[in-house]
């Protein structure tokens, strides 16, 4: 893999990390909670039914709501970037 390809992948990942909270808000994972009638509400309902009545801590729906509510912490974003870069170099 060439250097330019690696740079493009890291840049794309950085864009994804920045855009993730905005995209999650659009589908209903907002800072005020899950928006009624949204795609997020449907996912939450399906997750609760599948787990027997509640959304499991650490599940995809729970993590998406956390990101929607708080954004992606800088440390997590940095870890994703460093991990991707190390993976490209190995």
N, C-alpha and C. Protein backbone atom coordinates (compact mmCIF):
# COMPACT_ATOMS: atom_id res chain seq x y z
N UNK A 1 0.85 -1.16 0.00
CA UNK A 1 0.00 0.00 0.00
C UNK A 1 0.90 1.23 0.00
N UNK A 2 0.56 2.19 -0.81
CA UNK A 2 1.35 3.40 -0.91
C UNK A 2 1.03 4.40 0.18
N UNK A 3 1.93 5.34 0.33
CA UNK A 3 1.77 6.38 1.34
C UNK A 3 0.50 7.20 1.11
N UNK A 4 0.23 7.54 -0.16
CA UNK A 4 -0.98 8.32 -0.45
C UNK A 4 -2.25 7.56 -0.11
N UNK A 5 -2.24 6.26 -0.34
CA UNK A 5 -3.40 5.45 0.01
C UNK A 5 -3.62 5.46 1.52
N UNK A 6 -2.52 5.32 2.27
CA UNK A 6 -2.61 5.37 3.74
C UNK A 6 -3.12 6.70 4.23
N UNK A 7 -2.63 7.77 3.66
CA UNK A 7 -3.08 9.12 4.05
C UNK A 7 -4.57 9.28 3.73
N UNK A 8 -5.00 8.79 2.58
CA UNK A 8 -6.40 8.89 2.20
C UNK A 8 -7.29 8.10 3.16
N UNK A 9 -6.84 6.94 3.57
CA UNK A 9 -7.63 6.12 4.50
C UNK A 9 -7.73 6.82 5.86
N UNK A 10 -6.62 7.36 6.35
CA UNK A 10 -6.64 8.06 7.64
C UNK A 10 -7.54 9.29 7.56
N UNK A 11 -7.46 10.02 6.46
CA UNK A 11 -8.32 11.21 6.29
C UNK A 11 -9.79 10.81 6.24
N UNK A 12 -10.09 9.72 5.55
CA UNK A 12 -11.47 9.25 5.49
C UNK A 12 -11.98 8.82 6.84
N UNK A 13 -11.13 8.17 7.62
CA UNK A 13 -11.51 7.76 8.96
C UNK A 13 -11.75 8.98 9.85
N UNK A 14 -10.89 9.97 9.73
CA UNK A 14 -11.06 11.20 10.52
C UNK A 14 -12.39 11.86 10.17
N UNK A 15 -12.73 11.89 8.89
CA UNK A 15 -14.02 12.45 8.47
C UNK A 15 -15.18 11.68 9.03
N UNK A 16 -15.04 10.38 9.08
CA UNK A 16 -16.10 9.53 9.63
C UNK A 16 -16.27 9.79 11.12
N UNK A 17 -15.17 9.90 11.84
CA UNK A 17 -15.22 10.16 13.28
C UNK A 17 -15.91 11.48 13.56
N UNK A 18 -15.61 12.49 12.75
CA UNK A 18 -16.23 13.80 12.93
C UNK A 18 -17.71 13.77 12.56
N UNK A 19 -18.06 13.03 11.49
CA UNK A 19 -19.43 13.02 10.99
C UNK A 19 -20.36 12.10 11.77
N UNK A 20 -19.82 11.12 12.48
CA UNK A 20 -20.66 10.12 13.15
C UNK A 20 -21.72 10.72 14.06
N UNK A 21 -21.39 11.65 14.96
CA UNK A 21 -22.45 12.21 15.81
C UNK A 21 -23.56 12.91 15.02
N UNK A 22 -23.20 13.59 13.95
CA UNK A 22 -24.21 14.28 13.13
C UNK A 22 -25.13 13.28 12.44
N UNK A 23 -24.55 12.22 11.90
CA UNK A 23 -25.35 11.20 11.22
C UNK A 23 -26.27 10.51 12.22
N UNK A 24 -25.75 10.20 13.40
CA UNK A 24 -26.58 9.55 14.42
C UNK A 24 -27.73 10.46 14.86
N UNK A 25 -27.49 11.76 14.93
CA UNK A 25 -28.55 12.70 15.29
C UNK A 25 -29.65 12.71 14.24
N UNK A 26 -29.27 12.60 12.98
CA UNK A 26 -30.26 12.60 11.89
C UNK A 26 -31.19 11.39 11.99
N UNK A 27 -30.67 10.23 12.40
CA UNK A 27 -31.52 9.04 12.50
C UNK A 27 -32.23 8.94 13.85
N UNK A 28 -31.95 9.91 14.77
CA UNK A 28 -32.73 9.98 16.00
C UNK A 28 -31.98 9.78 17.29
N UNK A 29 -30.67 9.55 17.25
CA UNK A 29 -29.87 9.44 18.47
C UNK A 29 -29.38 10.84 18.81
N UNK A 30 -30.16 11.59 19.60
CA UNK A 30 -29.86 13.00 19.84
C UNK A 30 -29.31 13.23 21.25
N UNK A 31 -28.84 14.44 21.49
CA UNK A 31 -28.31 14.78 22.81
C UNK A 31 -29.42 14.80 23.87
N UNK A 32 -30.67 14.91 23.44
CA UNK A 32 -31.80 14.90 24.37
C UNK A 32 -32.39 13.50 24.56
N UNK A 33 -31.81 12.51 23.91
CA UNK A 33 -32.33 11.15 23.99
C UNK A 33 -32.79 10.68 22.62
N UNK A 34 -33.39 9.52 22.58
CA UNK A 34 -33.86 8.96 21.31
C UNK A 34 -35.16 9.66 20.91
N UNK A 35 -35.18 10.17 19.68
CA UNK A 35 -36.33 10.92 19.18
C UNK A 35 -37.50 9.98 18.90
N UNK A 36 -38.67 10.35 19.39
CA UNK A 36 -39.88 9.55 19.19
C UNK A 36 -40.19 9.42 17.70
N UNK A 37 -40.56 8.22 17.27
CA UNK A 37 -40.96 7.98 15.90
C UNK A 37 -39.81 7.89 14.91
N UNK A 38 -38.58 7.94 15.39
CA UNK A 38 -37.41 7.94 14.50
C UNK A 38 -36.93 6.51 14.24
N UNK A 39 -35.96 6.41 13.34
CA UNK A 39 -35.33 5.12 13.07
C UNK A 39 -34.65 4.62 14.35
N UNK A 40 -34.08 5.53 15.13
CA UNK A 40 -33.43 5.15 16.38
C UNK A 40 -34.44 4.53 17.34
N UNK A 41 -35.65 5.07 17.39
CA UNK A 41 -36.69 4.51 18.25
C UNK A 41 -37.05 3.09 17.81
N UNK A 42 -37.11 2.86 16.51
CA UNK A 42 -37.40 1.52 16.00
C UNK A 42 -36.28 0.55 16.37
N UNK A 43 -35.03 1.01 16.25
CA UNK A 43 -33.89 0.16 16.60
C UNK A 43 -33.88 -0.14 18.10
N UNK A 44 -34.21 0.85 18.91
CA UNK A 44 -34.25 0.66 20.35
C UNK A 44 -35.34 -0.35 20.72
N UNK A 45 -36.48 -0.22 20.08
CA UNK A 45 -37.58 -1.15 20.35
C UNK A 45 -37.19 -2.58 19.98
N UNK A 46 -36.61 -2.75 18.81
CA UNK A 46 -36.19 -4.08 18.37
C UNK A 46 -35.13 -4.66 19.31
N UNK A 47 -34.21 -3.82 19.76
CA UNK A 47 -33.17 -4.27 20.68
C UNK A 47 -33.77 -4.70 22.01
N UNK A 48 -34.72 -3.93 22.50
CA UNK A 48 -35.36 -4.26 23.78
C UNK A 48 -36.15 -5.56 23.68
N UNK A 49 -36.87 -5.75 22.59
CA UNK A 49 -37.63 -7.00 22.41
C UNK A 49 -36.68 -8.19 22.33
N UNK A 50 -35.59 -8.03 21.58
CA UNK A 50 -34.64 -9.12 21.39
C UNK A 50 -33.95 -9.52 22.70
N UNK A 51 -33.78 -8.56 23.61
CA UNK A 51 -33.08 -8.87 24.86
C UNK A 51 -34.02 -9.15 26.02
N UNK A 52 -35.30 -9.20 25.73
CA UNK A 52 -36.26 -9.56 26.77
C UNK A 52 -36.83 -8.40 27.56
N UNK A 53 -36.73 -7.18 27.05
CA UNK A 53 -37.41 -6.08 27.72
C UNK A 53 -36.60 -4.83 27.95
N UNK A 54 -35.33 -4.84 27.73
CA UNK A 54 -34.53 -3.63 27.92
C UNK A 54 -33.36 -3.60 26.98
N UNK A 55 -32.82 -2.43 26.78
CA UNK A 55 -31.64 -2.31 25.93
C UNK A 55 -30.43 -2.67 26.79
N UNK A 56 -29.64 -3.60 26.31
CA UNK A 56 -28.48 -4.09 27.05
C UNK A 56 -27.37 -3.04 27.03
N UNK A 57 -26.79 -2.78 28.20
CA UNK A 57 -25.65 -1.86 28.30
C UNK A 57 -24.51 -2.40 27.42
N UNK A 58 -23.91 -1.52 26.64
CA UNK A 58 -22.82 -1.92 25.76
C UNK A 58 -23.26 -2.43 24.41
N UNK A 59 -24.59 -2.51 24.20
CA UNK A 59 -25.09 -2.95 22.89
C UNK A 59 -24.88 -1.85 21.87
N UNK A 60 -25.06 -2.18 20.61
CA UNK A 60 -24.89 -1.20 19.53
C UNK A 60 -25.81 -0.01 19.73
N UNK A 61 -27.06 -0.26 20.06
CA UNK A 61 -28.01 0.84 20.27
C UNK A 61 -27.56 1.73 21.44
N UNK A 62 -27.09 1.12 22.50
CA UNK A 62 -26.63 1.90 23.66
C UNK A 62 -25.41 2.74 23.31
N UNK A 63 -24.48 2.17 22.57
CA UNK A 63 -23.28 2.91 22.17
C UNK A 63 -23.64 4.05 21.22
N UNK A 64 -24.53 3.79 20.27
CA UNK A 64 -24.93 4.85 19.34
C UNK A 64 -25.62 5.99 20.11
N UNK A 65 -26.43 5.66 21.11
CA UNK A 65 -27.08 6.71 21.88
C UNK A 65 -26.05 7.50 22.68
N UNK A 66 -25.06 6.83 23.22
CA UNK A 66 -24.00 7.52 23.95
C UNK A 66 -23.27 8.51 23.03
N UNK A 67 -22.93 8.06 21.83
CA UNK A 67 -22.26 8.95 20.88
C UNK A 67 -23.19 10.08 20.47
N UNK A 68 -24.47 9.77 20.25
CA UNK A 68 -25.43 10.81 19.89
C UNK A 68 -25.59 11.85 20.99
N UNK A 69 -25.53 11.40 22.24
CA UNK A 69 -25.72 12.31 23.37
C UNK A 69 -24.46 13.12 23.68
N UNK A 70 -23.30 12.49 23.61
CA UNK A 70 -22.07 13.14 24.05
C UNK A 70 -21.09 13.48 22.94
N UNK A 71 -21.31 12.93 21.75
CA UNK A 71 -20.30 13.05 20.70
C UNK A 71 -19.26 11.96 20.91
N UNK A 72 -18.29 11.90 20.06
CA UNK A 72 -17.22 10.91 20.20
C UNK A 72 -16.08 11.58 20.94
N UNK A 73 -15.74 11.09 22.13
CA UNK A 73 -14.67 11.73 22.90
C UNK A 73 -13.37 11.81 22.10
N UNK A 74 -12.62 12.87 22.31
CA UNK A 74 -11.36 13.06 21.58
C UNK A 74 -10.40 11.91 21.73
N UNK A 75 -10.35 11.32 22.92
CA UNK A 75 -9.46 10.18 23.14
C UNK A 75 -9.84 8.99 22.29
N UNK A 76 -11.13 8.74 22.16
CA UNK A 76 -11.60 7.63 21.32
C UNK A 76 -11.28 7.89 19.86
N UNK A 77 -11.49 9.12 19.43
CA UNK A 77 -11.18 9.47 18.04
C UNK A 77 -9.69 9.31 17.77
N UNK A 78 -8.87 9.76 18.71
CA UNK A 78 -7.42 9.64 18.54
C UNK A 78 -7.00 8.17 18.52
N UNK A 79 -7.61 7.35 19.37
CA UNK A 79 -7.27 5.92 19.40
C UNK A 79 -7.61 5.25 18.08
N UNK A 80 -8.74 5.62 17.49
CA UNK A 80 -9.12 5.07 16.19
C UNK A 80 -8.09 5.44 15.14
N UNK A 81 -7.68 6.69 15.14
CA UNK A 81 -6.70 7.17 14.16
C UNK A 81 -5.35 6.47 14.33
N UNK A 82 -4.86 6.41 15.55
CA UNK A 82 -3.55 5.78 15.81
C UNK A 82 -3.62 4.29 15.47
N UNK A 83 -4.69 3.63 15.86
CA UNK A 83 -4.84 2.21 15.54
C UNK A 83 -4.84 1.95 14.05
N UNK A 84 -5.53 2.80 13.30
CA UNK A 84 -5.56 2.65 11.86
C UNK A 84 -4.18 2.87 11.26
N UNK A 85 -3.48 3.89 11.73
CA UNK A 85 -2.16 4.18 11.21
C UNK A 85 -1.18 3.05 11.50
N UNK A 86 -1.21 2.52 12.72
CA UNK A 86 -0.34 1.41 13.07
C UNK A 86 -0.66 0.18 12.22
N UNK A 87 -1.95 -0.06 12.02
CA UNK A 87 -2.36 -1.18 11.17
C UNK A 87 -1.84 -1.04 9.74
N UNK A 88 -1.81 0.16 9.24
CA UNK A 88 -1.30 0.39 7.88
C UNK A 88 0.20 0.18 7.79
N UNK A 89 0.91 0.49 8.86
CA UNK A 89 2.36 0.39 8.84
C UNK A 89 2.87 -1.03 9.06
N UNK A 90 2.04 -1.86 9.67
CA UNK A 90 2.48 -3.23 9.97
C UNK A 90 2.32 -4.11 8.75
